[in-house]
C-alpha atoms as a PDB file:
ATOM      1  CA  MET A   1       7.933   0.724  -3.158  1.00  0.00           C
ATOM      2  CA  THR A   2       8.677   2.464   0.120  1.00  0.00           C
ATOM      3  CA  SER A   3       7.123   1.867   3.566  1.00  0.00           C
ATOM      4  CA  ILE A   4       6.060   4.697   5.824  1.00  0.00           C
ATOM      5  CA  ILE A   5       5.565   3.896   9.425  1.00  0.00           C
ATOM      6  CA  LEU A   6       3.750   6.431  11.511  1.00  0.00           C
ATOM      7  CA  ALA A   7       5.066   6.643  15.072  1.00  0.00           C
ATOM      8  CA  GLY A   8       4.158  10.146  16.186  1.00  0.00           C
ATOM      9  CA  GLY A   9       1.139   9.472  18.286  1.00  0.00           C
ATOM     10  CA  ARG A  10       0.787  10.790  21.828  1.00  0.00           C
ATOM     11  CA  ASN A  11      -0.013   7.385  23.331  1.00  0.00           C
ATOM     12  CA  LEU A  12      -2.230   8.794  26.061  1.00  0.00           C
ATOM     13  CA  ARG A  13      -4.222   5.602  26.635  1.00  0.00           C
ATOM     14  CA  LEU A  14      -1.148   3.277  26.955  1.00  0.00           C
ATOM     15  CA  GLY A  15       0.760   5.712  29.131  1.00  0.00           C
ATOM     16  CA  ASN A  16       4.166   5.454  27.277  1.00  0.00           C
ATOM     17  CA  SER A  17       5.456   5.035  23.710  1.00  0.00           C
ATOM     18  CA  LYS A  18       3.496   2.429  21.940  1.00  0.00           C
ATOM     19  CA  ALA A  19       6.424   1.901  19.625  1.00  0.00           C
ATOM     20  CA  LEU A  20       8.413   0.457  22.469  1.00  0.00           C
ATOM     21  CA  GLY A  21       5.983  -2.087  23.763  1.00  0.00           C
ATOM     22  CA  ILE A  22       7.554  -5.512  23.757  1.00  0.00           C
ATOM     23  CA  ILE A  23       5.788  -8.502  22.152  1.00  0.00           C
ATOM     24  CA  GLY A  24       7.507 -11.916  21.715  1.00  0.00           C
ATOM     25  CA  GLY A  25      10.911 -10.344  22.705  1.00  0.00           C
ATOM     26  CA  LYS A  26      10.783  -7.573  20.198  1.00  0.00           C
ATOM     27  CA  SER A  27       9.474  -3.950  20.429  1.00  0.00           C
ATOM     28  CA  LEU A  28       6.376  -3.030  18.291  1.00  0.00           C
ATOM     29  CA  ILE A  29       8.398  -0.754  16.045  1.00  0.00           C
ATOM     30  CA  GLU A  30      10.996  -3.519  15.447  1.00  0.00           C
ATOM     31  CA  ARG A  31       8.259  -6.021  14.569  1.00  0.00           C
ATOM     32  CA  VAL A  32       6.594  -3.554  12.047  1.00  0.00           C
ATOM     33  CA  VAL A  33       9.999  -2.630  10.422  1.00  0.00           C
ATOM     34  CA  GLU A  34      10.851  -6.255  10.025  1.00  0.00           C
ATOM     35  CA  ARG A  35       7.635  -7.084   8.275  1.00  0.00           C
ATOM     36  CA  VAL A  36       7.450  -4.133   5.957  1.00  0.00           C
ATOM     37  CA  LYS A  37      11.131  -4.750   4.881  1.00  0.00           C
ATOM     38  CA  LEU A  38       9.935  -7.973   3.346  1.00  0.00           C
ATOM     39  CA  VAL A  39       7.801  -6.156   0.703  1.00  0.00           C
ATOM     40  CA  THR A  40       9.592  -2.777   0.200  1.00  0.00           C
ATOM     41  CA  THR A  41      13.019  -1.488  -0.516  1.00  0.00           C
ATOM     42  CA  GLN A  42      13.100   1.551   1.770  1.00  0.00           C
ATOM     43  CA  THR A  43      11.669   2.305   5.199  1.00  0.00           C
ATOM     44  CA  LEU A  44      10.799   5.674   6.567  1.00  0.00           C
ATOM     45  CA  ILE A  45       9.557   6.377  10.175  1.00  0.00           C
ATOM     46  CA  VAL A  46       7.627   9.607  10.779  1.00  0.00           C
ATOM     47  CA  THR A  47       7.611  10.604  14.398  1.00  0.00           C
ATOM     48  CA  SER A  48       7.606  13.624  16.755  1.00  0.00           C
ATOM     49  CA  PRO A  49      10.780  15.395  17.912  1.00  0.00           C
ATOM     50  CA  VAL A  50      10.524  13.737  21.351  1.00  0.00           C
ATOM     51  CA  GLN A  51      10.525  10.226  19.927  1.00  0.00           C
ATOM     52  CA  LEU A  52      13.576  10.629  17.469  1.00  0.00           C
ATOM     53  CA  ALA A  53      15.644   8.192  19.369  1.00  0.00           C
ATOM     54  CA  LEU A  54      13.593   5.030  18.530  1.00  0.00           C
ATOM     55  CA  PRO A  55      15.678   1.902  18.755  1.00  0.00           C
ATOM     56  CA  VAL A  56      15.537   0.709  15.218  1.00  0.00           C
ATOM     57  CA  ALA A  57      18.375  -1.240  13.694  1.00  0.00           C
ATOM     58  CA  GLY A  58      19.293  -1.293   9.936  1.00  0.00           C
ATOM     59  CA  GLU A  59      18.702   1.129   7.051  1.00  0.00           C
ATOM     60  CA  VAL A  60      15.691   3.099   8.285  1.00  0.00           C
ATOM     61  CA  GLN A  61      15.221   6.868   7.892  1.00  0.00           C
ATOM     62  CA  VAL A  62      13.553   8.745  10.754  1.00  0.00           C
ATOM     63  CA  LEU A  63      11.705  11.883   9.799  1.00  0.00           C
ATOM     64  CA  VAL A  64      10.157  14.625  12.002  1.00  0.00           C
ATOM     65  CA  ASP A  65       6.525  15.217  11.280  1.00  0.00           C
ATOM     66  CA  LEU A  66       6.222  18.400   9.197  1.00  0.00           C
ATOM     67  CA  TYR A  67       2.681  18.929  10.701  1.00  0.00           C
ATOM     68  CA  PRO A  68       3.070  18.083  14.346  1.00  0.00           C
ATOM     69  CA  GLY A  69      -0.181  17.752  16.216  1.00  0.00           C
ATOM     70  CA  LYS A  70      -2.174  17.253  13.066  1.00  0.00           C
ATOM     71  CA  GLY A  71      -2.641  13.494  13.486  1.00  0.00           C
ATOM     72  CA  PRO A  72      -1.968  10.710  10.929  1.00  0.00           C
ATOM     73  CA  LEU A  73      -2.726  12.954   7.958  1.00  0.00           C
ATOM     74  CA  GLY A  74       0.274  15.068   8.709  1.00  0.00           C
ATOM     75  CA  GLY A  75       2.448  11.976   9.102  1.00  0.00           C
ATOM     76  CA  ILE A  76       1.225  10.582   5.684  1.00  0.00           C
ATOM     77  CA  TYR A  77       2.051  13.878   4.128  1.00  0.00           C
ATOM     78  CA  THR A  78       5.598  13.984   5.644  1.00  0.00           C
ATOM     79  CA  GLY A  79       6.320  10.410   4.518  1.00  0.00           C
ATOM     80  CA  LEU A  80       5.033  10.769   0.981  1.00  0.00           C
ATOM     81  CA  LEU A  81       6.929  13.966   0.485  1.00  0.00           C
ATOM     82  CA  ALA A  82      10.179  12.251   1.320  1.00  0.00           C
ATOM     83  CA  SER A  83       9.490   8.994  -0.348  1.00  0.00           C
ATOM     84  CA  PRO A  84      11.491   8.252  -3.515  1.00  0.00           C
ATOM     85  CA  SER A  85       8.695   5.964  -4.727  1.00  0.00           C
ATOM     86  CA  SER A  86       5.506   6.714  -6.707  1.00  0.00           C
ATOM     87  CA  HIS A  87       3.604   4.607  -4.170  1.00  0.00           C
ATOM     88  CA  SER A  88       4.249   3.924  -0.554  1.00  0.00           C
ATOM     89  CA  ILE A  89       2.796   1.611   1.989  1.00  0.00           C
ATOM     90  CA  VAL A  90       1.610   3.469   5.089  1.00  0.00           C
ATOM     91  CA  VAL A  91       1.082   1.638   8.378  1.00  0.00           C
ATOM     92  CA  ALA A  92       0.927   2.551  12.042  1.00  0.00           C
ATOM     93  CA  CYS A  93       3.710   1.574  14.416  1.00  0.00           C
ATOM     94  CA  ASP A  94       1.421  -0.386  16.620  1.00  0.00           C
ATOM     95  CA  MET A  95       0.316  -3.159  14.266  1.00  0.00           C
ATOM     96  CA  PRO A  96       2.380  -6.222  15.296  1.00  0.00           C
ATOM     97  CA  PHE A  97       0.759  -8.812  13.025  1.00  0.00           C
ATOM     98  CA  LEU A  98       0.983  -7.223   9.513  1.00  0.00           C
ATOM     99  CA  ASN A  99       0.083  -9.837   6.915  1.00  0.00           C
ATOM    100  CA  ILE A 100       2.718  -9.780   4.178  1.00  0.00           C
ATOM    101  CA  GLU A 101       0.584 -11.624   1.568  1.00  0.00           C
ATOM    102  CA  LEU A 102      -2.198  -8.999   1.958  1.00  0.00           C
ATOM    103  CA  LEU A 103       0.270  -6.160   1.669  1.00  0.00           C
ATOM    104  CA  ARG A 104       1.657  -7.853  -1.535  1.00  0.00           C
ATOM    105  CA  TYR A 105      -1.884  -8.104  -2.962  1.00  0.00           C
ATOM    106  CA  MET A 106      -2.435  -4.445  -2.169  1.00  0.00           C
ATOM    107  CA  ILE A 107       0.722  -3.514  -3.953  1.00  0.00           C
ATOM    108  CA  GLU A 108      -0.322  -5.433  -7.038  1.00  0.00           C
ATOM    109  CA  LEU A 109      -3.568  -3.435  -7.057  1.00  0.00           C
ATOM    110  CA  SER A 110      -1.960   0.085  -6.663  1.00  0.00           C
ATOM    111  CA  GLN A 111      -1.209   0.993 -10.349  1.00  0.00           C
ATOM    112  CA  GLY A 112      -3.843   3.433 -11.588  1.00  0.00           C
ATOM    113  CA  PHE A 113      -5.075   4.448  -8.245  1.00  0.00           C
ATOM    114  CA  ASP A 114      -4.081   7.131  -5.731  1.00  0.00           C
ATOM    115  CA  ALA A 115      -4.903   4.929  -2.782  1.00  0.00           C
ATOM    116  CA  VAL A 116      -5.533   1.295  -1.952  1.00  0.00           C
ATOM    117  CA  VAL A 117      -7.334   1.026   1.404  1.00  0.00           C
ATOM    118  CA  PRO A 118      -8.988  -1.931   3.158  1.00  0.00           C
ATOM    119  CA  ARG A 119     -12.730  -1.505   3.986  1.00  0.00           C
ATOM    120  CA  LEU A 120     -14.017  -4.020   6.539  1.00  0.00           C
ATOM    121  CA  GLY A 121     -17.607  -2.821   6.468  1.00  0.00           C
ATOM    122  CA  GLU A 122     -19.737   0.201   6.187  1.00  0.00           C
ATOM    123  CA  GLY A 123     -17.672   3.140   7.371  1.00  0.00           C
ATOM    124  CA  LYS A 124     -14.906   0.867   8.567  1.00  0.00           C
ATOM    125  CA  VAL A 125     -11.834   1.812   6.514  1.00  0.00           C
ATOM    126  CA  GLU A 126      -8.193   1.169   7.567  1.00  0.00           C
ATOM    127  CA  PRO A 127      -6.378   4.188   6.299  1.00  0.00           C
ATOM    128  CA  LEU A 128      -3.222   3.343   8.324  1.00  0.00           C
ATOM    129  CA  HIS A 129      -2.861  -0.069   6.565  1.00  0.00           C
ATOM    130  CA  ALA A 130      -2.906   1.308   3.070  1.00  0.00           C
ATOM    131  CA  ILE A 131      -1.026   2.484  -0.049  1.00  0.00           C
ATOM    132  CA  TYR A 132      -0.876   5.967  -1.161  1.00  0.00           C
ATOM    133  CA  SER A 133       0.654   7.663  -4.234  1.00  0.00           C
ATOM    134  CA  LYS A 134       2.576  10.905  -4.489  1.00  0.00           C
ATOM    135  CA  GLY A 135      -0.429  12.206  -6.401  1.00  0.00           C
ATOM    136  CA  CYS A 136      -2.172  12.533  -3.001  1.00  0.00           C
ATOM    137  CA  LEU A 137       0.289  15.246  -1.694  1.00  0.00           C
ATOM    138  CA  ASP A 138      -1.562  18.267  -3.003  1.00  0.00           C
ATOM    139  CA  ASN A 139      -5.007  17.061  -1.708  1.00  0.00           C
ATOM    140  CA  ILE A 140      -3.534  16.222   1.744  1.00  0.00           C
ATOM    141  CA  LYS A 141      -1.778  19.591   1.960  1.00  0.00           C
ATOM    142  CA  THR A 142      -4.884  21.429   1.196  1.00  0.00           C
ATOM    143  CA  GLN A 143      -6.823  19.615   3.993  1.00  0.00           C
ATOM    144  CA  LEU A 144      -3.927  20.167   6.420  1.00  0.00           C
ATOM    145  CA  GLU A 145      -3.769  23.808   5.732  1.00  0.00           C
ATOM    146  CA  HIS A 146      -7.621  24.110   6.268  1.00  0.00           C
ATOM    147  CA  ASN A 147      -7.328  21.996   9.488  1.00  0.00           C
ATOM    148  CA  GLN A 148      -9.522  19.298   8.002  1.00  0.00           C
ATOM    149  CA  LEU A 149      -7.690  16.279   9.494  1.00  0.00           C
ATOM    150  CA  ARG A 150      -9.940  13.265   8.876  1.00  0.00           C
ATOM    151  CA  VAL A 151      -8.171  10.843   6.481  1.00  0.00           C
ATOM    152  CA  SER A 152     -11.639   9.525   5.323  1.00  0.00           C
ATOM    153  CA  ARG A 153     -12.519  12.992   4.026  1.00  0.00           C
ATOM    154  CA  PHE A 154      -9.281  13.148   2.059  1.00  0.00           C
ATOM    155  CA  LEU A 155     -10.030   9.794   0.500  1.00  0.00           C
ATOM    156  CA  ASP A 156     -13.267  11.184  -0.969  1.00  0.00           C
ATOM    157  CA  THR A 157     -11.047  13.539  -3.115  1.00  0.00           C
ATOM    158  CA  VAL A 158      -8.792  10.785  -4.859  1.00  0.00           C
ATOM    159  CA  ARG A 159      -9.058   7.575  -6.770  1.00  0.00           C
ATOM    160  CA  VAL A 160      -9.292   4.785  -4.297  1.00  0.00           C
ATOM    161  CA  ARG A 161      -9.390   1.037  -4.796  1.00  0.00           C
ATOM    162  CA  TYR A 162     -11.082  -0.321  -1.610  1.00  0.00           C
ATOM    163  CA  VAL A 163     -10.089  -3.838  -0.624  1.00  0.00           C
ATOM    164  CA  GLU A 164     -13.157  -5.311   0.811  1.00  0.00           C
ATOM    165  CA  ARG A 165     -13.381  -7.536   3.997  1.00  0.00           C
ATOM    166  CA  ALA A 166     -13.798 -10.843   2.000  1.00  0.00           C
ATOM    167  CA  GLU A 167     -10.627  -9.987  -0.109  1.00  0.00           C
ATOM    168  CA  CYS A 168      -8.685  -9.353   3.096  1.00  0.00           C
ATOM    169  CA  GLN A 169      -9.851 -12.517   4.666  1.00  0.00           C
ATOM    170  CA  ARG A 170      -8.499 -14.607   1.730  1.00  0.00           C
ATOM    171  CA  PHE A 171      -5.090 -13.757   3.154  1.00  0.00           C
ATOM    172  CA  ASP A 172      -5.781 -13.278   6.836  1.00  0.00           C
ATOM    173  CA  PRO A 173      -8.994 -15.030   7.897  1.00  0.00           C
ATOM    174  CA  ARG A 174      -8.873 -13.538  11.433  1.00  0.00           C
ATOM    175  CA  LEU A 175      -7.918 -10.028  10.159  1.00  0.00           C
ATOM    176  CA  LEU A 176      -5.104  -9.899  12.639  1.00  0.00           C
ATOM    177  CA  THR A 177      -3.207  -7.623  10.330  1.00  0.00           C
ATOM    178  CA  PHE A 178      -5.481  -4.773  11.541  1.00  0.00           C
ATOM    179  CA  PHE A 179      -4.962  -5.519  15.182  1.00  0.00           C
ATOM    180  CA  ASN A 180      -3.539  -2.435  16.904  1.00  0.00           C
ATOM    181  CA  ILE A 181      -2.384  -1.423  20.349  1.00  0.00           C
ATOM    182  CA  ASN A 182      -4.286   1.437  22.094  1.00  0.00           C
ATOM    183  CA  CYS A 183      -4.182   0.372  25.777  1.00  0.00           C
ATOM    184  CA  ARG A 184      -2.568  -2.112  28.052  1.00  0.00           C
ATOM    185  CA  SER A 185      -5.196  -4.705  27.642  1.00  0.00           C
ATOM    186  CA  ASP A 186      -4.520  -4.688  23.842  1.00  0.00           C
ATOM    187  CA  LEU A 187      -0.737  -5.142  24.488  1.00  0.00           C
ATOM    188  CA  ASP A 188      -1.516  -8.060  26.761  1.00  0.00           C
ATOM    189  CA  ARG A 189      -3.804  -9.717  24.122  1.00  0.00           C
ATOM    190  CA  ALA A 190      -1.042  -9.157  21.422  1.00  0.00           C
ATOM    191  CA  ILE A 191       1.468 -10.956  23.654  1.00  0.00           C
ATOM    192  CA  THR A 192      -0.984 -13.818  24.054  1.00  0.00           C
ATOM    193  CA  LEU A 193      -1.653 -14.003  20.265  1.00  0.00           C
ATOM    194  CA  ALA A 194       2.077 -13.872  19.457  1.00  0.00           C
ATOM    195  CA  ALA A 195       2.705 -16.804  21.791  1.00  0.00           C
ATOM    196  CA  GLU A 196      -0.287 -18.793  20.554  1.00  0.00           C
ATOM    197  CA  ASN A 197       0.733 -18.244  16.783  1.00  0.00           C
ATOM    198  CA  ARG A 198       4.429 -18.283  17.321  1.00  0.00           C
ATOM    199  CA  CYS A 199       4.825 -15.132  15.519  1.00  0.00           C
END
């Protein structure tokens, strides 16, 4: 199993690179890499040309998004194309509290499906905390070439195992694994949570 971390966003609301925000003495990207390495054998980071110099230690491969400006779908495609695994975990670089036990559970569910995606309520899916197979590549490429960039639309074309809210809460009652950083107040909240939970 390979991990694909998407770090190509423009970060307009935060004002600088989300991946470099510091929480508990570590950058966001470092925290995410450390966590996914617990459940996968290889880590790929998909980013834009202007963010290639991300400060990440260890055996991590950094890829330039093949579809820049096309949002997460382009990043997912780039990562899956480069991945040596049949299935890959895909997460965003701004999720500091990834729950390893939930990710392991999702890995166990992945055989026989093109995607395993948390669903926290009606219309509330988490496509950037998911598992995708290489079988998704053709469908994603078709959407990208037609400029149809919504990940949820792509999910309608493949075999998906949705992980419902109650399933997720068995491993993460507060659903902190889905907490992500969009603005300064989110970063401040994450710093507080990390201190409170010593994580």
